[in-house]
Amino acid sequence: EESGKLGMGDGAHRFLPAQVMGLPKALAVTAGHFHTVVIVRGSDAQVFHRQFLEAAQRLVAEEQRRFRRWEEEAKRRKAYAEQQALAQARYQAQQQQQAQHYQQY
């Protein structure tokens, strides 16, 4: 597309972000002077660029790596939180058992 066409149906220059209708739900967006990369479900990407396809492809790959790292970190944090909750439940159960034991005497 010609320079300035941002999927909005006109060639108006914009200085603030604007929602582009018709795109799938974006998980991440990155933009540069001549390109925009939108990461969608399953780390697929849509690239909007002017002339630098190779640069956009490198950016897509980098955004996909970032997204995978973010997903991995989210999984690690979830597993840690689950471990902490399990440890807390075990501790509370142990405290209850001790309290019951002492009440018997």
PDB file of N, CA and C in Angstrom:
ATOM      1  N   GLU A   1       0.834  -1.177   0.000  1.00  0.00           N
ATOM      2  CA  GLU A   1       0.000   0.000   0.000  1.00  0.00           C
ATOM      3  C   GLU A   1       0.879   1.241   0.000  1.00  0.00           C
ATOM      4  N   GLU A   2       0.279   2.341  -0.337  1.00  0.00           N
ATOM      5  CA  GLU A   2       1.020   3.588  -0.325  1.00  0.00           C
ATOM      6  C   GLU A   2       1.337   4.011   1.106  1.00  0.00           C
ATOM      7  N   SER A   3       2.346   4.823   1.229  1.00  0.00           N
ATOM      8  CA  SER A   3       2.740   5.325   2.537  1.00  0.00           C
ATOM      9  C   SER A   3       1.582   6.074   3.176  1.00  0.00           C
ATOM     10  N   GLY A   4       1.359   5.802   4.454  1.00  0.00           N
ATOM     11  CA  GLY A   4       0.330   6.518   5.195  1.00  0.00           C
ATOM     12  C   GLY A   4      -0.976   5.771   5.313  1.00  0.00           C
ATOM     13  N   LYS A   5      -1.182   4.724   4.496  1.00  0.00           N
ATOM     14  CA  LYS A   5      -2.411   3.953   4.601  1.00  0.00           C
ATOM     15  C   LYS A   5      -2.231   2.936   5.712  1.00  0.00           C
ATOM     16  N   LEU A   6      -2.974   3.114   6.757  1.00  0.00           N
ATOM     17  CA  LEU A   6      -2.812   2.287   7.950  1.00  0.00           C
ATOM     18  C   LEU A   6      -3.967   1.317   8.149  1.00  0.00           C
ATOM     19  N   GLY A   7      -4.706   1.029   7.105  1.00  0.00           N
ATOM     20  CA  GLY A   7      -5.832   0.131   7.257  1.00  0.00           C
ATOM     21  C   GLY A   7      -7.079   0.828   7.762  1.00  0.00           C
ATOM     22  N   MET A   8      -7.054   2.133   7.777  1.00  0.00           N
ATOM     23  CA  MET A   8      -8.175   2.898   8.313  1.00  0.00           C
ATOM     24  C   MET A   8      -9.129   3.348   7.204  1.00  0.00           C
ATOM     25  N   GLY A   9      -8.785   3.071   5.953  1.00  0.00           N
ATOM     26  CA  GLY A   9      -9.657   3.467   4.853  1.00  0.00           C
ATOM     27  C   GLY A   9      -9.369   4.855   4.320  1.00  0.00           C
ATOM     28  N   ASP A  10      -8.347   5.488   4.823  1.00  0.00           N
ATOM     29  CA  ASP A  10      -7.972   6.807   4.317  1.00  0.00           C
ATOM     30  C   ASP A  10      -6.444   6.923   4.372  1.00  0.00           C
ATOM     31  N   GLY A  11      -5.916   7.989   3.893  1.00  0.00           N
ATOM     32  CA  GLY A  11      -4.465   8.190   3.911  1.00  0.00           C
ATOM     33  C   GLY A  11      -4.036   9.175   4.973  1.00  0.00           C
ATOM     34  N   ALA A  12      -4.900   9.418   5.952  1.00  0.00           N
ATOM     35  CA  ALA A  12      -4.609  10.421   6.975  1.00  0.00           C
ATOM     36  C   ALA A  12      -3.431   9.984   7.848  1.00  0.00           C
ATOM     37  N   HIS A  13      -2.563  10.927   8.150  1.00  0.00           N
ATOM     38  CA  HIS A  13      -1.471  10.661   9.080  1.00  0.00           C
ATOM     39  C   HIS A  13      -2.026  10.696  10.496  1.00  0.00           C
ATOM     40  N   ARG A  14      -1.593   9.746  11.303  1.00  0.00           N
ATOM     41  CA  ARG A  14      -2.073   9.671  12.679  1.00  0.00           C
ATOM     42  C   ARG A  14      -0.882   9.717  13.619  1.00  0.00           C
ATOM     43  N   PHE A  15      -1.082  10.420  14.705  1.00  0.00           N
ATOM     44  CA  PHE A  15      -0.028  10.545  15.697  1.00  0.00           C
ATOM     45  C   PHE A  15      -0.367   9.803  16.978  1.00  0.00           C
ATOM     46  N   LEU A  16      -1.561   9.217  17.033  1.00  0.00           N
ATOM     47  CA  LEU A  16      -1.991   8.432  18.180  1.00  0.00           C
ATOM     48  C   LEU A  16      -2.461   7.069  17.680  1.00  0.00           C
ATOM     49  N   PRO A  17      -2.361   6.044  18.521  1.00  0.00           N
ATOM     50  CA  PRO A  17      -2.849   4.720  18.110  1.00  0.00           C
ATOM     51  C   PRO A  17      -4.343   4.758  17.801  1.00  0.00           C
ATOM     52  N   ALA A  18      -4.746   3.928  16.840  1.00  0.00           N
ATOM     53  CA  ALA A  18      -6.151   3.821  16.477  1.00  0.00           C
ATOM     54  C   ALA A  18      -6.449   2.357  16.187  1.00  0.00           C
ATOM     55  N   GLN A  19      -7.643   1.901  16.550  1.00  0.00           N
ATOM     56  CA  GLN A  19      -8.023   0.517  16.314  1.00  0.00           C
ATOM     57  C   GLN A  19      -8.310   0.314  14.832  1.00  0.00           C
ATOM     58  N   VAL A  20      -7.725  -0.746  14.274  1.00  0.00           N
ATOM     59  CA  VAL A  20      -7.968  -1.108  12.885  1.00  0.00           C
ATOM     60  C   VAL A  20      -8.998  -2.226  12.894  1.00  0.00           C
ATOM     61  N   MET A  21     -10.127  -1.998  12.291  1.00  0.00           N
ATOM     62  CA  MET A  21     -11.200  -2.986  12.280  1.00  0.00           C
ATOM     63  C   MET A  21     -10.842  -4.117  11.319  1.00  0.00           C
ATOM     64  N   GLY A  22     -11.321  -5.312  11.621  1.00  0.00           N
ATOM     65  CA  GLY A  22     -11.128  -6.443  10.730  1.00  0.00           C
ATOM     66  C   GLY A  22      -9.901  -7.278  11.030  1.00  0.00           C
ATOM     67  N   LEU A  23      -9.066  -6.850  11.968  1.00  0.00           N
ATOM     68  CA  LEU A  23      -7.907  -7.652  12.350  1.00  0.00           C
ATOM     69  C   LEU A  23      -8.320  -8.651  13.419  1.00  0.00           C
ATOM     70  N   PRO A  24      -7.694  -9.839  13.417  1.00  0.00           N
ATOM     71  CA  PRO A  24      -7.972 -10.764  14.515  1.00  0.00           C
ATOM     72  C   PRO A  24      -7.421 -10.179  15.815  1.00  0.00           C
ATOM     73  N   LYS A  25      -7.837 -10.744  16.920  1.00  0.00           N
ATOM     74  CA  LYS A  25      -7.387 -10.245  18.221  1.00  0.00           C
ATOM     75  C   LYS A  25      -5.868 -10.316  18.307  1.00  0.00           C
ATOM     76  N   ALA A  26      -5.238  -9.194  18.538  1.00  0.00           N
ATOM     77  CA  ALA A  26      -3.780  -9.117  18.592  1.00  0.00           C
ATOM     78  C   ALA A  26      -3.283  -9.455  19.993  1.00  0.00           C
ATOM     79  N   LEU A  27      -2.207 -10.250  20.061  1.00  0.00           N
ATOM     80  CA  LEU A  27      -1.561 -10.554  21.325  1.00  0.00           C
ATOM     81  C   LEU A  27      -0.425  -9.577  21.595  1.00  0.00           C
ATOM     82  N   ALA A  28       0.210  -9.118  20.500  1.00  0.00           N
ATOM     83  CA  ALA A  28       1.307  -8.157  20.628  1.00  0.00           C
ATOM     84  C   ALA A  28       1.409  -7.381  19.320  1.00  0.00           C
ATOM     85  N   VAL A  29       1.844  -6.140  19.420  1.00  0.00           N
ATOM     86  CA  VAL A  29       2.029  -5.297  18.241  1.00  0.00           C
ATOM     87  C   VAL A  29       3.351  -4.575  18.395  1.00  0.00           C
ATOM     88  N   THR A  30       4.099  -4.517  17.319  1.00  0.00           N
ATOM     89  CA  THR A  30       5.313  -3.711  17.312  1.00  0.00           C
ATOM     90  C   THR A  30       5.322  -2.922  16.012  1.00  0.00           C
ATOM     91  N   ALA A  31       5.916  -1.762  16.037  1.00  0.00           N
ATOM     92  CA  ALA A  31       5.915  -0.930  14.839  1.00  0.00           C
ATOM     93  C   ALA A  31       7.217  -0.162  14.742  1.00  0.00           C
ATOM     94  N   GLY A  32       7.564   0.138  13.533  1.00  0.00           N
ATOM     95  CA  GLY A  32       8.735   0.954  13.254  1.00  0.00           C
ATOM     96  C   GLY A  32       8.355   2.010  12.237  1.00  0.00           C
ATOM     97  N   HIS A  33       9.354   2.616  11.653  1.00  0.00           N
ATOM     98  CA  HIS A  33       9.094   3.703  10.712  1.00  0.00           C
ATOM     99  C   HIS A  33       8.357   3.218   9.469  1.00  0.00           C
ATOM    100  N   PHE A  34       8.686   2.023   8.974  1.00  0.00           N
ATOM    101  CA  PHE A  34       8.097   1.529   7.734  1.00  0.00           C
ATOM    102  C   PHE A  34       7.315   0.236   7.882  1.00  0.00           C
ATOM    103  N   HIS A  35       7.021  -0.198   9.090  1.00  0.00           N
ATOM    104  CA  HIS A  35       6.362  -1.488   9.247  1.00  0.00           C
ATOM    105  C   HIS A  35       5.536  -1.538  10.525  1.00  0.00           C
ATOM    106  N   THR A  36       4.624  -2.479  10.543  1.00  0.00           N
ATOM    107  CA  THR A  36       3.896  -2.862  11.747  1.00  0.00           C
ATOM    108  C   THR A  36       3.780  -4.371  11.719  1.00  0.00           C
ATOM    109  N   VAL A  37       4.034  -5.011  12.853  1.00  0.00           N
ATOM    110  CA  VAL A  37       3.905  -6.457  12.975  1.00  0.00           C
ATOM    111  C   VAL A  37       2.879  -6.735  14.066  1.00  0.00           C
ATOM    112  N   VAL A  38       1.899  -7.571  13.747  1.00  0.00           N
ATOM    113  CA  VAL A  38       0.856  -7.935  14.696  1.00  0.00           C
ATOM    114  C   VAL A  38       0.961  -9.438  14.936  1.00  0.00           C
ATOM    115  N   ILE A  39       1.203  -9.829  16.200  1.00  0.00           N
ATOM    116  CA  ILE A  39       1.237 -11.238  16.568  1.00  0.00           C
ATOM    117  C   ILE A  39      -0.187 -11.616  16.988  1.00  0.00           C
ATOM    118  N   VAL A  40      -0.705 -12.659  16.342  1.00  0.00           N
ATOM    119  CA  VAL A  40      -2.062 -13.115  16.639  1.00  0.00           C
ATOM    120  C   VAL A  40      -2.006 -14.540  17.164  1.00  0.00           C
ATOM    121  N   ARG A  41      -3.165 -15.152  17.405  1.00  0.00           N
ATOM    122  CA  ARG A  41      -3.258 -16.489  17.989  1.00  0.00           C
ATOM    123  C   ARG A  41      -2.148 -17.419  17.509  1.00  0.00           C
ATOM    124  N   GLY A  42      -1.645 -18.232  18.437  1.00  0.00           N
ATOM    125  CA  GLY A  42      -0.678 -19.262  18.080  1.00  0.00           C
ATOM    126  C   GLY A  42       0.645 -18.714  17.598  1.00  0.00           C
ATOM    127  N   SER A  43       0.963 -17.496  17.916  1.00  0.00           N
ATOM    128  CA  SER A  43       2.185 -16.776  17.521  1.00  0.00           C
ATOM    129  C   SER A  43       2.305 -16.620  16.010  1.00  0.00           C
ATOM    130  N   ASP A  44       1.168 -16.646  15.279  1.00  0.00           N
ATOM    131  CA  ASP A  44       1.176 -16.267  13.871  1.00  0.00           C
ATOM    132  C   ASP A  44       1.337 -14.763  13.810  1.00  0.00           C
ATOM    133  N   ALA A  45       1.759 -14.269  12.651  1.00  0.00           N
ATOM    134  CA  ALA A  45       1.985 -12.829  12.544  1.00  0.00           C
ATOM    135  C   ALA A  45       1.401 -12.292  11.255  1.00  0.00           C
ATOM    136  N   GLN A  46       0.957 -11.054  11.322  1.00  0.00           N
ATOM    137  CA  GLN A  46       0.573 -10.305  10.134  1.00  0.00           C
ATOM    138  C   GLN A  46       1.534  -9.132  10.059  1.00  0.00           C
ATOM    139  N   VAL A  47       2.065  -8.895   8.869  1.00  0.00           N
ATOM    140  CA  VAL A  47       3.063  -7.841   8.692  1.00  0.00           C
ATOM    141  C   VAL A  47       2.514  -6.807   7.719  1.00  0.00           C
ATOM    142  N   PHE A  48       2.601  -5.564   8.103  1.00  0.00           N
ATOM    143  CA  PHE A  48       2.243  -4.451   7.246  1.00  0.00           C
ATOM    144  C   PHE A  48       3.515  -3.631   7.104  1.00  0.00           C
ATOM    145  N   HIS A  49       3.988  -3.468   5.860  1.00  0.00           N
ATOM    146  CA  HIS A  49       5.281  -2.821   5.683  1.00  0.00           C
ATOM    147  C   HIS A  49       5.294  -1.998   4.414  1.00  0.00           C
ATOM    148  N   ARG A  50       6.337  -1.230   4.268  1.00  0.00           N
ATOM    149  CA  ARG A  50       6.468  -0.414   3.069  1.00  0.00           C
ATOM    150  C   ARG A  50       7.358  -1.106   2.056  1.00  0.00           C
ATOM    151  N   GLN A  51       8.632  -1.310   2.344  1.00  0.00           N
ATOM    152  CA  GLN A  51       9.529  -1.904   1.365  1.00  0.00           C
ATOM    153  C   GLN A  51      10.499  -2.899   1.976  1.00  0.00           C
ATOM    154  N   PHE A  52      10.437  -3.130   3.243  1.00  0.00           N
ATOM    155  CA  PHE A  52      11.496  -3.870   3.913  1.00  0.00           C
ATOM    156  C   PHE A  52      11.010  -5.221   4.417  1.00  0.00           C
ATOM    157  N   LEU A  53      10.645  -6.102   3.507  1.00  0.00           N
ATOM    158  CA  LEU A  53      10.097  -7.396   3.866  1.00  0.00           C
ATOM    159  C   LEU A  53      11.066  -8.205   4.719  1.00  0.00           C
ATOM    160  N   GLU A  54      12.331  -8.232   4.345  1.00  0.00           N
ATOM    161  CA  GLU A  54      13.304  -9.011   5.116  1.00  0.00           C
ATOM    162  C   GLU A  54      13.417  -8.492   6.541  1.00  0.00           C
ATOM    163  N   ALA A  55      13.451  -7.187   6.696  1.00  0.00           N
ATOM    164  CA  ALA A  55      13.520  -6.613   8.042  1.00  0.00           C
ATOM    165  C   ALA A  55      12.264  -6.964   8.822  1.00  0.00           C
ATOM    166  N   ALA A  56      11.116  -6.919   8.164  1.00  0.00           N
ATOM    167  CA  ALA A  56       9.863  -7.264   8.837  1.00  0.00           C
ATOM    168  C   ALA A  56       9.862  -8.728   9.251  1.00  0.00           C
ATOM    169  N   GLN A  57      10.393  -9.603   8.408  1.00  0.00           N
ATOM    170  CA  GLN A  57      10.451 -11.019   8.758  1.00  0.00           C
ATOM    171  C   GLN A  57      11.340 -11.243   9.972  1.00  0.00           C
ATOM    172  N   ARG A  58      12.455 -10.522  10.050  1.00  0.00           N
ATOM    173  CA  ARG A  58      13.311 -10.630  11.237  1.00  0.00           C
ATOM    174  C   ARG A  58      12.568 -10.140  12.471  1.00  0.00           C
ATOM    175  N   LEU A  59      11.818  -9.060  12.310  1.00  0.00           N
ATOM    176  CA  LEU A  59      11.035  -8.549  13.438  1.00  0.00           C
ATOM    177  C   LEU A  59       9.962  -9.538  13.865  1.00  0.00           C
ATOM    178  N   VAL A  60       9.326 -10.187  12.904  1.00  0.00           N
ATOM    179  CA  VAL A  60       8.319 -11.195  13.227  1.00  0.00           C
ATOM    180  C   VAL A  60       8.961 -12.302  14.040  1.00  0.00           C
ATOM    181  N   ALA A  61      10.110 -12.783  13.584  1.00  0.00           N
ATOM    182  CA  ALA A  61      10.795 -13.861  14.299  1.00  0.00           C
ATOM    183  C   ALA A  61      11.145 -13.419  15.712  1.00  0.00           C
ATOM    184  N   GLU A  62      11.624 -12.193  15.877  1.00  0.00           N
ATOM    185  CA  GLU A  62      11.983 -11.693  17.208  1.00  0.00           C
ATOM    186  C   GLU A  62      10.749 -11.572  18.088  1.00  0.00           C
ATOM    187  N   GLU A  63       9.657 -11.072  17.548  1.00  0.00           N
ATOM    188  CA  GLU A  63       8.428 -10.954  18.336  1.00  0.00           C
ATOM    189  C   GLU A  63       7.901 -12.330  18.720  1.00  0.00           C
ATOM    190  N   GLN A  64       8.025 -13.290  17.821  1.00  0.00           N
ATOM    191  CA  GLN A  64       7.592 -14.648  18.156  1.00  0.00           C
ATOM    192  C   GLN A  64       8.456 -15.217  19.276  1.00  0.00           C
ATOM    193  N   ARG A  65       9.774 -14.956  19.237  1.00  0.00           N
ATOM    194  CA  ARG A  65      10.653 -15.404  20.330  1.00  0.00           C
ATOM    195  C   ARG A  65      10.270 -14.725  21.632  1.00  0.00           C
ATOM    196  N   ARG A  66      10.013 -13.431  21.586  1.00  0.00           N
ATOM    197  CA  ARG A  66       9.603 -12.708  22.802  1.00  0.00           C
ATOM    198  C   ARG A  66       8.308 -13.280  23.358  1.00  0.00           C
ATOM    199  N   PHE A  67       7.359 -13.550  22.462  1.00  0.00           N
ATOM    200  CA  PHE A  67       6.083 -14.083  22.908  1.00  0.00           C
ATOM    201  C   PHE A  67       6.272 -15.452  23.543  1.00  0.00           C
ATOM    202  N   ARG A  68       7.094 -16.312  22.939  1.00  0.00           N
ATOM    203  CA  ARG A  68       7.345 -17.642  23.513  1.00  0.00           C
ATOM    204  C   ARG A  68       8.022 -17.510  24.875  1.00  0.00           C
ATOM    205  N   ARG A  69       8.975 -16.578  24.999  1.00  0.00           N
ATOM    206  CA  ARG A  69       9.624 -16.363  26.306  1.00  0.00           C
ATOM    207  C   ARG A  69       8.595 -15.894  27.325  1.00  0.00           C
ATOM    208  N   TRP A  70       7.697 -15.001  26.913  1.00  0.00           N
ATOM    209  CA  TRP A  70       6.662 -14.517  27.817  1.00  0.00           C
ATOM    210  C   TRP A  70       5.763 -15.672  28.246  1.00  0.00           C
ATOM    211  N   GLU A  71       5.366 -16.533  27.287  1.00  0.00           N
ATOM    212  CA  GLU A  71       4.531 -17.685  27.622  1.00  0.00           C
ATOM    213  C   GLU A  71       5.243 -18.614  28.595  1.00  0.00           C
ATOM    214  N   GLU A  72       6.530 -18.881  28.348  1.00  0.00           N
ATOM    215  CA  GLU A  72       7.302 -19.753  29.232  1.00  0.00           C
ATOM    216  C   GLU A  72       7.399 -19.165  30.629  1.00  0.00           C
ATOM    217  N   GLU A  73       7.633 -17.863  30.713  1.00  0.00           N
ATOM    218  CA  GLU A  73       7.711 -17.207  32.017  1.00  0.00           C
ATOM    219  C   GLU A  73       6.371 -17.277  32.734  1.00  0.00           C
ATOM    220  N   ALA A  74       5.287 -17.079  32.000  1.00  0.00           N
ATOM    221  CA  ALA A  74       3.954 -17.169  32.607  1.00  0.00           C
ATOM    222  C   ALA A  74       3.704 -18.575  33.140  1.00  0.00           C
ATOM    223  N   LYS A  75       4.130 -19.593  32.403  1.00  0.00           N
ATOM    224  CA  LYS A  75       3.969 -20.973  32.862  1.00  0.00           C
ATOM    225  C   LYS A  75       4.799 -21.227  34.116  1.00  0.00           C
ATOM    226  N   ARG A  76       6.042 -20.715  34.120  1.00  0.00           N
ATOM    227  CA  ARG A  76       6.901 -20.888  35.309  1.00  0.00           C
ATOM    228  C   ARG A  76       6.277 -20.221  36.521  1.00  0.00           C
ATOM    229  N   ARG A  77       5.760 -19.014  36.340  1.00  0.00           N
ATOM    230  CA  ARG A  77       5.152 -18.293  37.461  1.00  0.00           C
ATOM    231  C   ARG A  77       3.905 -19.012  37.972  1.00  0.00           C
ATOM    232  N   LYS A  78       3.107 -19.557  37.048  1.00  0.00           N
ATOM    233  CA  LYS A  78       1.919 -20.291  37.450  1.00  0.00           C
ATOM    234  C   LYS A  78       2.312 -21.537  38.235  1.00  0.00           C
ATOM    235  N   ALA A  79       3.316 -22.276  37.753  1.00  0.00           N
ATOM    236  CA  ALA A  79       3.764 -23.483  38.448  1.00  0.00           C
ATOM    237  C   ALA A  79       4.294 -23.131  39.829  1.00  0.00           C
ATOM    238  N   TYR A  80       5.046 -22.042  39.945  1.00  0.00           N
ATOM    239  CA  TYR A  80       5.576 -21.606  41.234  1.00  0.00           C
ATOM    240  C   TYR A  80       4.432 -21.267  42.191  1.00  0.00           C
ATOM    241  N   ALA A  81       3.430 -20.534  41.690  1.00  0.00           N
ATOM    242  CA  ALA A  81       2.290 -20.163  42.536  1.00  0.00           C
ATOM    243  C   ALA A  81       1.540 -21.406  43.000  1.00  0.00           C
ATOM    244  N   GLU A  82       1.396 -22.387  42.117  1.00  0.00           N
ATOM    245  CA  GLU A  82       0.725 -23.631  42.500  1.00  0.00           C
ATOM    246  C   GLU A  82       1.533 -24.376  43.555  1.00  0.00           C
ATOM    247  N   GLN A  83       2.854 -24.401  43.407  1.00  0.00           N
ATOM    248  CA  GLN A  83       3.714 -25.050  44.404  1.00  0.00           C
ATOM    249  C   GLN A  83       3.606 -24.348  45.747  1.00  0.00           C
ATOM    250  N   GLN A  84       3.591 -23.031  45.727  1.00  0.00           N
ATOM    251  CA  GLN A  84       3.472 -22.257  46.968  1.00  0.00           C
ATOM    252  C   GLN A  84       2.131 -22.530  47.643  1.00  0.00           C
ATOM    253  N   ALA A  85       1.055 -22.589  46.861  1.00  0.00           N
ATOM    254  CA  ALA A  85      -0.265 -22.853  47.427  1.00  0.00           C
ATOM    255  C   ALA A  85      -0.312 -24.256  48.027  1.00  0.00           C
ATOM    256  N   LEU A  86       0.294 -25.223  47.357  1.00  0.00           N
ATOM    257  CA  LEU A  86       0.325 -26.590  47.872  1.00  0.00           C
ATOM    258  C   LEU A  86       1.136 -26.661  49.163  1.00  0.00           C
ATOM    259  N   ALA A  87       2.274 -25.987  49.183  1.00  0.00           N
ATOM    260  CA  ALA A  87       3.098 -25.970  50.393  1.00  0.00           C
ATOM    261  C   ALA A  87       2.341 -25.318  51.549  1.00  0.00           C
ATOM    262  N   GLN A  88       1.618 -24.241  51.264  1.00  0.00           N
ATOM    263  CA  GLN A  88       0.839 -23.558  52.294  1.00  0.00           C
ATOM    264  C   GLN A  88      -0.263 -24.474  52.819  1.00  0.00           C
ATOM    265  N   ALA A  89      -0.937 -25.201  51.921  1.00  0.00           N
ATOM    266  CA  ALA A  89      -1.997 -26.121  52.344  1.00  0.00           C
ATOM    267  C   ALA A  89      -1.425 -27.242  53.207  1.00  0.00           C
ATOM    268  N   ARG A  90      -0.263 -27.756  52.826  1.00  0.00           N
ATOM    269  CA  ARG A  90       0.374 -28.810  53.625  1.00  0.00           C
ATOM    270  C   ARG A  90       0.753 -28.290  55.008  1.00  0.00           C
ATOM    271  N   TYR A  91       1.288 -27.083  55.057  1.00  0.00           N
ATOM    272  CA  TYR A  91       1.680 -26.479  56.322  1.00  0.00           C
ATOM    273  C   TYR A  91       0.460 -26.308  57.228  1.00  0.00           C
ATOM    274  N   GLN A  92      -0.636 -25.814  56.662  1.00  0.00           N
ATOM    275  CA  GLN A  92      -1.848 -25.619  57.449  1.00  0.00           C
ATOM    276  C   GLN A  92      -2.405 -26.948  57.957  1.00  0.00           C
ATOM    277  N   ALA A  93      -2.368 -27.974  57.106  1.00  0.00           N
ATOM    278  CA  ALA A  93      -2.833 -29.295  57.530  1.00  0.00           C
ATOM    279  C   ALA A  93      -1.965 -29.821  58.664  1.00  0.00           C
ATOM    280  N   GLN A  94      -0.676 -29.609  58.580  1.00  0.00           N
ATOM    281  CA  GLN A  94       0.252 -30.056  59.623  1.00  0.00           C
ATOM    282  C   GLN A  94      -0.028 -29.296  60.923  1.00  0.00           C
ATOM    283  N   GLN A  95      -0.283 -28.013  60.821  1.00  0.00           N
ATOM    284  CA  GLN A  95      -0.591 -27.217  62.008  1.00  0.00           C
ATOM    285  C   GLN A  95      -1.891 -27.703  62.662  1.00  0.00           C
ATOM    286  N   GLN A  96      -2.873 -28.042  61.851  1.00  0.00           N
ATOM    287  CA  GLN A  96      -4.137 -28.547  62.390  1.00  0.00           C
ATOM    288  C   GLN A  96      -3.930 -29.892  63.085  1.00  0.00           C
ATOM    289  N   GLN A  97      -3.131 -30.758  62.493  1.00  0.00           N
ATOM    290  CA  GLN A  97      -2.858 -32.057  63.101  1.00  0.00           C
ATOM    291  C   GLN A  97      -2.161 -31.885  64.443  1.00  0.00           C
ATOM    292  N   GLN A  98      -1.196 -30.970  64.506  1.00  0.00           N
ATOM    293  CA  GLN A  98      -0.494 -30.723  65.768  1.00  0.00           C
ATOM    294  C   GLN A  98      -1.454 -30.167  66.817  1.00  0.00           C
ATOM    295  N   ALA A  99      -2.331 -29.274  66.416  1.00  0.00           N
ATOM    296  CA  ALA A  99      -3.284 -28.683  67.354  1.00  0.00           C
ATOM    297  C   ALA A  99      -4.231 -29.761  67.880  1.00  0.00           C
ATOM    298  N   GLN A 100      -4.682 -30.635  67.010  1.00  0.00           N
ATOM    299  CA  GLN A 100      -5.557 -31.725  67.445  1.00  0.00           C
ATOM    300  C   GLN A 100      -4.819 -32.680  68.377  1.00  0.00           C
ATOM    301  N   HIS A 101      -3.573 -32.930  68.066  1.00  0.00           N
ATOM    302  CA  HIS A 101      -2.760 -33.817  68.912  1.00  0.00           C
ATOM    303  C   HIS A 101      -2.625 -33.241  70.323  1.00  0.00           C
ATOM    304  N   TYR A 102      -2.353 -31.943  70.412  1.00  0.00           N
ATOM    305  CA  TYR A 102      -2.183 -31.314  71.727  1.00  0.00           C
ATOM    306  C   TYR A 102      -3.506 -31.212  72.481  1.00  0.00           C
ATOM    307  N   GLN A 103      -4.612 -31.110  71.764  1.00  0.00           N
ATOM    308  CA  GLN A 103      -5.917 -31.040  72.423  1.00  0.00           C
ATOM    309  C   GLN A 103      -6.287 -32.364  73.077  1.00  0.00           C
ATOM    310  N   GLN A 104      -5.726 -33.452  72.571  1.00  0.00           N
ATOM    311  CA  GLN A 104      -6.012 -34.756  73.153  1.00  0.00           C
ATOM    312  C   GLN A 104      -5.393 -34.910  74.541  1.00  0.00           C
ATOM    313  N   TYR A 105      -4.367 -34.149  74.808  1.00  0.00           N
ATOM    314  CA  TYR A 105      -3.653 -34.304  76.103  1.00  0.00           C
ATOM    315  C   TYR A 105      -4.046 -33.270  77.060  1.00  0.00           C
TER     316      TYR A 105
END
